[in-house]
Amino acid sequence: MSVTRSTFDSLLGACQHQHRRVVLALLAAEQRSLTLNDLTQTVLEYDQQASPTGISEVVPTEIRLSLYHTHLPKLASNGLVAYDPDSKLVEPTEQFEQVQPTLATILDADPTLETPIEL
């Protein structure tokens, strides 16, 4: 399936922030619903790799809140994930599956995501 220009622009916008790229890469690797806790932990691990100088107790809360209030709603508004704030579950959508080859190319270009994404 070829991706339209507007879809490509939307994907680039969705991938603008490092935390969203980590979430998308993890969803692509896992191909299943994930909890907000799973996503928070994975983003935290990548942040620690980028800055291993020690993480305060506030950082996990900040990451969780930014995912909950900013990043997951942005991905949901782009149609890439279904996000239920009440159950705190995130799952890839059909549109996510359709754009996954293009998304993989974008994510592969991120040098900070060289390590395989795992839970």
Protein backbone atom coordinates (compact mmCIF):
# COMPACT_ATOMS: atom_id res chain seq x y z
CA MET A 1 0.00 0.00 0.00
CA SER A 2 1.37 3.41 -0.89
CA VAL A 3 1.17 6.15 1.68
CA THR A 4 -0.30 9.51 0.67
CA ARG A 5 1.56 12.72 1.27
CA SER A 6 -0.84 13.80 4.03
CA THR A 7 -0.48 10.41 5.74
CA PHE A 8 3.31 10.67 5.50
CA ASP A 9 3.24 14.19 6.95
CA SER A 10 0.98 12.94 9.74
CA LEU A 11 3.42 10.10 10.49
CA LEU A 12 6.34 12.52 10.62
CA GLY A 13 4.39 14.69 13.05
CA ALA A 14 3.56 11.68 15.19
CA CYS A 15 7.24 10.70 15.26
CA GLN A 16 8.48 14.16 16.16
CA HIS A 17 9.02 13.40 19.86
CA GLN A 18 11.38 10.70 21.13
CA HIS A 19 8.81 9.29 23.55
CA ARG A 20 6.27 8.75 20.76
CA ARG A 21 8.93 7.01 18.65
CA VAL A 22 9.69 4.65 21.53
CA VAL A 23 5.98 3.92 22.01
CA LEU A 24 5.47 3.25 18.29
CA ALA A 25 8.56 1.04 18.08
CA LEU A 26 7.43 -0.97 21.11
CA LEU A 27 3.92 -1.41 19.69
CA ALA A 28 5.41 -2.53 16.36
CA ALA A 29 7.63 -5.06 18.13
CA GLU A 30 4.96 -6.40 20.49
CA GLN A 31 1.91 -6.30 18.15
CA ARG A 32 -0.50 -6.29 21.09
CA SER A 33 -2.17 -4.05 23.66
CA LEU A 34 0.18 -2.55 26.21
CA THR A 35 -0.45 -0.79 29.50
CA LEU A 36 0.55 2.74 30.32
CA ASN A 37 2.90 1.24 32.92
CA ASP A 38 4.64 -0.88 30.24
CA LEU A 39 5.09 2.16 28.03
CA THR A 40 6.30 4.36 30.89
CA GLN A 41 8.90 1.80 31.91
CA THR A 42 10.19 1.38 28.37
CA VAL A 43 10.43 5.14 27.76
CA LEU A 44 12.22 5.52 31.11
CA GLU A 45 14.77 2.85 30.12
CA TYR A 46 15.50 4.66 26.85
CA ASP A 47 15.82 7.99 28.64
CA GLN A 48 18.30 6.39 31.05
CA GLN A 49 20.36 5.06 28.12
CA ALA A 50 20.46 8.56 26.66
CA SER A 51 21.38 10.14 30.02
CA PRO A 52 22.70 7.51 32.45
CA THR A 53 23.52 10.06 35.18
CA GLY A 54 20.82 8.80 37.51
CA ILE A 55 17.10 9.31 37.39
CA SER A 56 15.16 10.98 40.18
CA GLU A 57 11.88 9.57 41.45
CA VAL A 58 10.04 12.44 39.76
CA VAL A 59 11.04 11.39 36.25
CA PRO A 60 8.85 8.24 35.98
CA THR A 61 5.85 10.30 37.08
CA GLU A 62 6.69 13.03 34.57
CA ILE A 63 7.03 10.47 31.77
CA ARG A 64 3.76 8.78 32.73
CA LEU A 65 1.91 12.11 32.81
CA SER A 66 3.38 13.24 29.47
CA LEU A 67 2.36 9.94 27.87
CA TYR A 68 -1.11 10.09 29.41
CA HIS A 69 -1.87 13.74 28.64
CA THR A 70 0.19 14.50 25.52
CA HIS A 71 1.81 11.70 23.58
CA LEU A 72 -0.84 8.96 23.62
CA PRO A 73 -3.67 11.37 22.78
CA LYS A 74 -1.55 12.70 19.88
CA LEU A 75 -0.98 9.17 18.55
CA ALA A 76 -4.69 8.41 18.99
CA SER A 77 -5.72 11.57 17.14
CA ASN A 78 -3.47 10.47 14.26
CA GLY A 79 -5.32 7.15 14.22
CA LEU A 80 -2.23 5.09 15.03
CA VAL A 81 -3.35 3.80 18.41
CA ALA A 82 -6.54 3.22 20.31
CA TYR A 83 -6.04 4.62 23.79
CA ASP A 84 -8.45 4.18 26.66
CA PRO A 85 -7.50 6.61 29.44
CA ASP A 86 -9.74 4.81 31.95
CA SER A 87 -8.23 1.34 31.52
CA LYS A 88 -4.82 2.83 30.57
CA LEU A 89 -4.52 0.41 27.64
CA VAL A 90 -2.93 1.27 24.31
CA GLU A 91 -3.25 -0.88 21.22
CA PRO A 92 -2.19 -0.50 17.61
CA THR A 93 -5.01 0.25 15.17
CA GLU A 94 -5.68 -1.03 11.68
CA GLN A 95 -4.21 2.21 10.33
CA PHE A 96 -1.04 1.49 12.35
CA GLU A 97 -0.79 -1.85 10.59
CA GLN A 98 -1.30 -0.23 7.16
CA VAL A 99 1.46 2.35 7.62
CA GLN A 100 3.86 0.07 9.48
CA PRO A 101 6.34 -0.28 6.56
CA THR A 102 6.65 3.51 6.26
CA LEU A 103 6.71 3.88 10.03
CA ALA A 104 9.48 1.28 10.28
CA THR A 105 11.57 3.31 7.83
CA ILE A 106 11.09 6.45 9.92
CA LEU A 107 11.91 4.65 13.17
CA ASP A 108 14.96 2.96 11.62
CA ALA A 109 16.37 6.41 10.85
CA ASP A 110 16.42 7.31 14.58
CA PRO A 111 19.95 6.56 15.83
CA THR A 112 18.73 6.47 19.45
CA LEU A 113 16.54 3.43 18.72
CA GLU A 114 19.41 1.18 17.65
CA THR A 115 18.79 -1.29 20.45
CA PRO A 116 15.81 -3.57 19.85
CA ILE A 117 12.72 -2.35 21.68
CA GLU A 118 11.63 -4.86 24.30
CA LEU A 119 9.47 -4.94 27.38
